[in-house]
């Protein structure tokens, strides 16, 4: 068996995610504190159940927050799973299109999206 096949098999065995992640580079917004705190991030890979985010140095997401995916007009309730330097792994509790948010208390999420999408 070649070294390449062994390395690929080892990588597959180490994979613990329930869904395969796709590499990408998308703009996102980390939001918490009822909209009082929000900052931009990059979404580096994405699956149905989570993502890898990269934030500015010195900026750390809280344990639970909303993640707005600007291109997809989607809001995810996210939970921090791991961190390494300026990279963070998150799992999604829910994924909701912005157009389907009916709770007035979450209206700030649409306003934040509008403010970033028009840049």
N, C-alpha and C. Protein backbone atom coordinates (compact mmCIF):
# COMPACT_ATOMS: atom_id res chain seq x y z
N UNK A 1 0.86 -1.18 0.00
CA UNK A 1 0.00 0.00 0.00
C UNK A 1 0.90 1.24 0.00
N UNK A 2 0.56 2.20 -0.83
CA UNK A 2 1.39 3.39 -0.96
C UNK A 2 1.21 4.31 0.24
N UNK A 3 2.18 5.18 0.44
CA UNK A 3 2.12 6.16 1.53
C UNK A 3 0.95 7.11 1.35
N UNK A 4 0.64 7.46 0.10
CA UNK A 4 -0.48 8.37 -0.17
C UNK A 4 -1.80 7.75 0.26
N UNK A 5 -2.01 6.48 -0.04
CA UNK A 5 -3.25 5.81 0.36
C UNK A 5 -3.34 5.71 1.88
N UNK A 6 -2.23 5.38 2.54
CA UNK A 6 -2.21 5.31 4.01
C UNK A 6 -2.54 6.68 4.62
N UNK A 7 -1.96 7.74 4.06
CA UNK A 7 -2.21 9.09 4.58
C UNK A 7 -3.67 9.47 4.40
N UNK A 8 -4.24 9.12 3.25
CA UNK A 8 -5.65 9.43 3.00
C UNK A 8 -6.54 8.66 3.95
N UNK A 9 -6.27 7.38 4.17
CA UNK A 9 -7.06 6.59 5.10
C UNK A 9 -6.96 7.13 6.52
N UNK A 10 -5.76 7.53 6.93
CA UNK A 10 -5.58 8.09 8.27
C UNK A 10 -6.36 9.38 8.42
N UNK A 11 -6.35 10.20 7.38
CA UNK A 11 -7.10 11.46 7.44
C UNK A 11 -8.59 11.18 7.57
N UNK A 12 -9.12 10.23 6.84
CA UNK A 12 -10.53 9.88 6.92
C UNK A 12 -10.89 9.36 8.31
N UNK A 13 -10.03 8.59 8.92
CA UNK A 13 -10.29 8.07 10.26
C UNK A 13 -10.30 9.18 11.30
N UNK A 14 -9.48 10.24 11.09
CA UNK A 14 -9.43 11.35 12.03
C UNK A 14 -10.63 12.28 11.91
N UNK A 15 -11.31 12.24 10.77
CA UNK A 15 -12.44 13.13 10.52
C UNK A 15 -13.58 12.78 11.46
N UNK A 16 -14.00 13.75 12.28
CA UNK A 16 -15.06 13.52 13.26
C UNK A 16 -16.32 14.28 12.92
N UNK A 17 -16.32 15.04 11.87
CA UNK A 17 -17.49 15.84 11.52
C UNK A 17 -18.57 14.95 10.92
N UNK A 18 -19.83 15.20 11.27
CA UNK A 18 -20.91 14.38 10.70
C UNK A 18 -21.17 14.68 9.22
N UNK A 19 -20.79 15.86 8.74
CA UNK A 19 -20.99 16.25 7.34
C UNK A 19 -19.67 16.76 6.79
N UNK A 20 -19.41 16.45 5.53
CA UNK A 20 -18.18 16.92 4.89
C UNK A 20 -18.23 18.43 4.72
N UNK A 21 -17.12 19.09 5.02
CA UNK A 21 -17.04 20.54 4.85
C UNK A 21 -16.44 20.87 3.50
N UNK A 22 -16.95 21.97 2.92
CA UNK A 22 -16.44 22.46 1.64
C UNK A 22 -15.59 23.70 1.89
N UNK A 23 -14.44 23.73 1.26
CA UNK A 23 -13.58 24.92 1.39
C UNK A 23 -14.19 26.07 0.62
N UNK A 24 -14.10 27.25 1.20
CA UNK A 24 -14.62 28.45 0.55
C UNK A 24 -14.07 29.68 1.27
N UNK A 25 -14.42 30.82 0.75
CA UNK A 25 -14.05 32.07 1.39
C UNK A 25 -15.26 32.99 1.28
N UNK A 26 -16.03 33.06 2.36
CA UNK A 26 -17.25 33.86 2.40
C UNK A 26 -17.14 34.90 3.51
N UNK A 27 -17.86 35.99 3.35
CA UNK A 27 -17.94 36.99 4.39
C UNK A 27 -19.02 36.62 5.40
N UNK A 28 -18.74 36.87 6.65
CA UNK A 28 -19.70 36.60 7.71
C UNK A 28 -19.67 37.69 8.76
N UNK A 29 -20.68 37.65 9.62
CA UNK A 29 -20.75 38.59 10.74
C UNK A 29 -21.03 37.78 12.00
N UNK A 30 -20.19 37.92 13.00
CA UNK A 30 -20.42 37.32 14.32
C UNK A 30 -21.21 38.34 15.12
N UNK A 31 -22.35 37.91 15.68
CA UNK A 31 -23.24 38.83 16.39
C UNK A 31 -23.62 38.22 17.74
N UNK A 32 -23.54 39.04 18.79
CA UNK A 32 -23.97 38.58 20.11
C UNK A 32 -24.37 39.78 20.94
N UNK A 33 -24.87 39.52 22.14
CA UNK A 33 -25.30 40.61 23.00
C UNK A 33 -26.53 41.33 22.45
N UNK A 34 -27.42 40.57 21.81
CA UNK A 34 -28.62 41.20 21.27
C UNK A 34 -28.34 42.21 20.18
N UNK A 35 -27.22 42.04 19.49
CA UNK A 35 -26.84 42.96 18.42
C UNK A 35 -25.92 44.07 18.87
N UNK A 36 -25.65 44.15 20.18
CA UNK A 36 -24.77 45.20 20.69
C UNK A 36 -23.33 45.01 20.22
N UNK A 37 -22.93 43.75 19.99
CA UNK A 37 -21.58 43.45 19.54
C UNK A 37 -21.66 42.71 18.22
N UNK A 38 -20.94 43.19 17.24
CA UNK A 38 -20.91 42.54 15.92
C UNK A 38 -19.58 42.86 15.25
N UNK A 39 -18.98 41.86 14.61
CA UNK A 39 -17.76 42.10 13.85
C UNK A 39 -17.68 41.12 12.69
N UNK A 40 -16.93 41.52 11.68
CA UNK A 40 -16.77 40.71 10.48
C UNK A 40 -15.84 39.53 10.72
N UNK A 41 -16.08 38.48 9.96
CA UNK A 41 -15.20 37.31 9.98
C UNK A 41 -15.18 36.72 8.57
N UNK A 42 -14.27 35.78 8.35
CA UNK A 42 -14.23 35.03 7.10
C UNK A 42 -14.67 33.61 7.40
N UNK A 43 -15.50 33.06 6.54
CA UNK A 43 -15.91 31.66 6.65
C UNK A 43 -15.03 30.90 5.68
N UNK A 44 -14.16 30.04 6.22
CA UNK A 44 -13.16 29.36 5.40
C UNK A 44 -13.61 27.99 4.92
N UNK A 45 -14.46 27.31 5.67
CA UNK A 45 -15.09 26.10 5.16
C UNK A 45 -16.44 25.96 5.83
N UNK A 46 -17.31 25.17 5.21
CA UNK A 46 -18.70 25.15 5.63
C UNK A 46 -19.31 23.79 5.36
N UNK A 47 -20.15 23.32 6.31
CA UNK A 47 -20.95 22.12 6.11
C UNK A 47 -22.35 22.41 6.62
N UNK A 48 -23.22 21.45 6.53
CA UNK A 48 -24.58 21.61 7.05
C UNK A 48 -24.58 21.83 8.55
N UNK A 49 -23.58 21.29 9.24
CA UNK A 49 -23.59 21.32 10.71
C UNK A 49 -22.59 22.27 11.34
N UNK A 50 -21.74 22.94 10.55
CA UNK A 50 -20.77 23.83 11.17
C UNK A 50 -19.87 24.51 10.16
N UNK A 51 -18.88 25.23 10.70
CA UNK A 51 -17.98 26.00 9.84
C UNK A 51 -16.67 26.28 10.57
N UNK A 52 -15.69 26.70 9.79
CA UNK A 52 -14.44 27.22 10.32
C UNK A 52 -14.43 28.71 10.02
N UNK A 53 -14.26 29.51 11.05
CA UNK A 53 -14.22 30.96 10.92
C UNK A 53 -12.81 31.46 11.19
N UNK A 54 -12.47 32.56 10.57
CA UNK A 54 -11.23 33.26 10.89
C UNK A 54 -11.61 34.70 11.22
N UNK A 55 -11.18 35.13 12.40
CA UNK A 55 -11.48 36.48 12.90
C UNK A 55 -10.19 37.28 13.00
N UNK A 56 -10.31 38.57 13.13
CA UNK A 56 -9.15 39.43 13.31
C UNK A 56 -8.39 39.03 14.57
N UNK A 57 -7.10 39.25 14.56
CA UNK A 57 -6.30 38.92 15.74
C UNK A 57 -6.82 39.66 16.96
N UNK A 58 -6.90 38.95 18.07
CA UNK A 58 -7.36 39.54 19.32
C UNK A 58 -8.87 39.57 19.48
N UNK A 59 -9.59 39.11 18.47
CA UNK A 59 -11.06 39.07 18.54
C UNK A 59 -11.48 37.62 18.73
N UNK A 60 -12.23 37.35 19.79
CA UNK A 60 -12.62 35.98 20.11
C UNK A 60 -14.14 35.88 20.22
N UNK A 61 -14.75 34.96 19.46
CA UNK A 61 -16.20 34.81 19.58
C UNK A 61 -16.58 34.25 20.95
N UNK A 62 -17.76 34.58 21.44
CA UNK A 62 -18.24 34.03 22.71
C UNK A 62 -18.66 32.57 22.50
N UNK A 63 -19.01 31.86 23.57
CA UNK A 63 -19.40 30.46 23.44
C UNK A 63 -20.61 30.23 22.52
N UNK A 64 -21.57 31.15 22.52
CA UNK A 64 -22.76 31.05 21.66
C UNK A 64 -23.02 32.41 21.02
N UNK A 65 -23.37 32.41 19.73
CA UNK A 65 -23.60 33.66 19.00
C UNK A 65 -24.38 33.37 17.74
N UNK A 66 -24.77 34.42 17.04
CA UNK A 66 -25.38 34.29 15.72
C UNK A 66 -24.29 34.54 14.69
N UNK A 67 -24.31 33.76 13.62
CA UNK A 67 -23.41 33.97 12.49
C UNK A 67 -24.27 34.30 11.28
N UNK A 68 -24.05 35.48 10.71
CA UNK A 68 -24.76 35.88 9.50
C UNK A 68 -23.84 35.58 8.31
N UNK A 69 -24.33 34.76 7.38
CA UNK A 69 -23.60 34.49 6.15
C UNK A 69 -24.11 35.47 5.10
N UNK A 70 -23.29 36.44 4.76
CA UNK A 70 -23.72 37.56 3.93
C UNK A 70 -24.20 37.12 2.56
N UNK A 71 -23.41 36.34 1.84
CA UNK A 71 -23.78 35.93 0.48
C UNK A 71 -25.07 35.11 0.46
N UNK A 72 -25.23 34.21 1.43
CA UNK A 72 -26.36 33.28 1.44
C UNK A 72 -27.60 33.83 2.13
N UNK A 73 -27.47 35.02 2.74
CA UNK A 73 -28.59 35.62 3.48
C UNK A 73 -29.16 34.65 4.51
N UNK A 74 -28.25 34.02 5.25
CA UNK A 74 -28.60 32.99 6.21
C UNK A 74 -28.07 33.38 7.58
N UNK A 75 -28.84 33.04 8.63
CA UNK A 75 -28.40 33.26 10.01
C UNK A 75 -28.32 31.91 10.70
N UNK A 76 -27.23 31.66 11.37
CA UNK A 76 -27.05 30.41 12.10
C UNK A 76 -26.87 30.72 13.58
N UNK A 77 -27.54 29.95 14.43
CA UNK A 77 -27.21 29.97 15.85
C UNK A 77 -25.99 29.09 15.98
N UNK A 78 -24.87 29.66 16.40
CA UNK A 78 -23.60 28.95 16.41
C UNK A 78 -23.08 28.74 17.83
N UNK A 79 -22.38 27.64 18.00
CA UNK A 79 -21.75 27.31 19.27
C UNK A 79 -20.27 27.04 18.99
N UNK A 80 -19.41 27.67 19.76
CA UNK A 80 -17.97 27.51 19.60
C UNK A 80 -17.56 26.09 19.98
N UNK A 81 -16.85 25.41 19.08
CA UNK A 81 -16.41 24.03 19.33
C UNK A 81 -14.92 23.96 19.63
N UNK A 82 -14.10 24.78 18.96
CA UNK A 82 -12.66 24.77 19.18
C UNK A 82 -12.08 26.10 18.70
N UNK A 83 -10.86 26.37 19.13
CA UNK A 83 -10.14 27.55 18.64
C UNK A 83 -8.66 27.24 18.55
N UNK A 84 -8.02 27.86 17.57
CA UNK A 84 -6.57 27.72 17.39
C UNK A 84 -6.09 29.00 16.73
N UNK A 85 -5.43 29.85 17.51
CA UNK A 85 -4.98 31.14 16.98
C UNK A 85 -6.18 32.00 16.64
N UNK A 86 -6.24 32.47 15.39
CA UNK A 86 -7.37 33.31 14.98
C UNK A 86 -8.44 32.50 14.23
N UNK A 87 -8.36 31.16 14.29
CA UNK A 87 -9.34 30.28 13.64
C UNK A 87 -10.24 29.65 14.70
N UNK A 88 -11.52 29.48 14.33
CA UNK A 88 -12.51 28.96 15.27
C UNK A 88 -13.42 27.98 14.55
N UNK A 89 -13.67 26.85 15.18
CA UNK A 89 -14.63 25.89 14.67
C UNK A 89 -15.94 26.09 15.39
N UNK A 90 -17.04 26.10 14.64
CA UNK A 90 -18.35 26.27 15.25
C UNK A 90 -19.30 25.19 14.75
N UNK A 91 -20.25 24.84 15.59
CA UNK A 91 -21.33 23.96 15.19
C UNK A 91 -22.61 24.79 15.14
N UNK A 92 -23.52 24.40 14.28
CA UNK A 92 -24.77 25.13 14.12
C UNK A 92 -25.90 24.43 14.87
N UNK A 93 -26.62 25.21 15.68
CA UNK A 93 -27.83 24.71 16.32
C UNK A 93 -28.99 24.83 15.35
N UNK A 94 -29.09 25.98 14.67
CA UNK A 94 -30.13 26.20 13.68
C UNK A 94 -29.55 27.00 12.52
N UNK A 95 -30.21 26.89 11.35
CA UNK A 95 -29.88 27.70 10.17
C UNK A 95 -31.20 28.23 9.65
N UNK A 96 -31.30 29.55 9.54
CA UNK A 96 -32.56 30.18 9.13
C UNK A 96 -32.29 31.25 8.08
N UNK A 97 -33.01 31.21 6.96
CA UNK A 97 -32.89 32.31 6.00
C UNK A 97 -33.36 33.62 6.65
N UNK A 98 -32.67 34.70 6.38
CA UNK A 98 -33.05 36.00 6.94
C UNK A 98 -34.51 36.34 6.63
N UNK A 99 -34.97 35.95 5.47
CA UNK A 99 -36.34 36.26 5.06
C UNK A 99 -37.40 35.54 5.90
N UNK A 100 -36.99 34.51 6.63
CA UNK A 100 -37.93 33.74 7.44
C UNK A 100 -37.91 34.13 8.92
N UNK A 101 -37.11 35.10 9.30
CA UNK A 101 -37.08 35.54 10.69
C UNK A 101 -38.28 36.43 10.94
N UNK A 102 -39.15 35.98 11.83
CA UNK A 102 -40.38 36.73 12.12
C UNK A 102 -40.38 37.32 13.52
N UNK A 103 -39.45 36.91 14.36
CA UNK A 103 -39.37 37.41 15.73
C UNK A 103 -38.84 38.85 15.71
N UNK A 104 -39.65 39.82 16.15
CA UNK A 104 -39.19 41.22 16.15
C UNK A 104 -37.91 41.43 16.97
N UNK A 105 -37.71 40.60 17.98
CA UNK A 105 -36.52 40.73 18.82
C UNK A 105 -35.24 40.39 18.05
N UNK A 106 -35.37 39.71 16.90
CA UNK A 106 -34.21 39.37 16.08
C UNK A 106 -34.10 40.24 14.82
N UNK A 107 -34.90 41.28 14.76
CA UNK A 107 -34.88 42.18 13.60
C UNK A 107 -33.53 42.81 13.35
N UNK A 108 -32.74 42.96 14.39
CA UNK A 108 -31.41 43.56 14.24
C UNK A 108 -30.52 42.74 13.32
N UNK A 109 -30.78 41.43 13.19
CA UNK A 109 -29.95 40.59 12.33
C UNK A 109 -30.11 41.01 10.86
N UNK A 110 -31.33 41.29 10.44
CA UNK A 110 -31.57 41.76 9.07
C UNK A 110 -30.92 43.13 8.85
N UNK A 111 -31.00 44.00 9.85
CA UNK A 111 -30.39 45.33 9.73
C UNK A 111 -28.87 45.23 9.59
N UNK A 112 -28.26 44.33 10.36
CA UNK A 112 -26.80 44.14 10.24
C UNK A 112 -26.43 43.61 8.86
N UNK A 113 -27.22 42.66 8.38
CA UNK A 113 -26.95 42.13 7.04
C UNK A 113 -27.03 43.24 6.01
N UNK A 114 -28.07 44.05 6.07
CA UNK A 114 -28.21 45.15 5.12
C UNK A 114 -27.03 46.11 5.16
N UNK A 115 -26.56 46.40 6.37
CA UNK A 115 -25.45 47.35 6.50
C UNK A 115 -24.16 46.82 5.89
N UNK A 116 -23.95 45.49 5.92
CA UNK A 116 -22.72 44.90 5.37
C UNK A 116 -22.88 44.53 3.90
N UNK A 117 -24.07 44.10 3.50
CA UNK A 117 -24.26 43.64 2.12
C UNK A 117 -24.15 44.78 1.12
N UNK A 118 -24.42 46.00 1.53
CA UNK A 118 -24.37 47.13 0.62
C UNK A 118 -22.99 47.76 0.49
N UNK A 119 -21.99 47.15 1.08
CA UNK A 119 -20.62 47.71 0.98
C UNK A 119 -20.02 47.44 -0.35
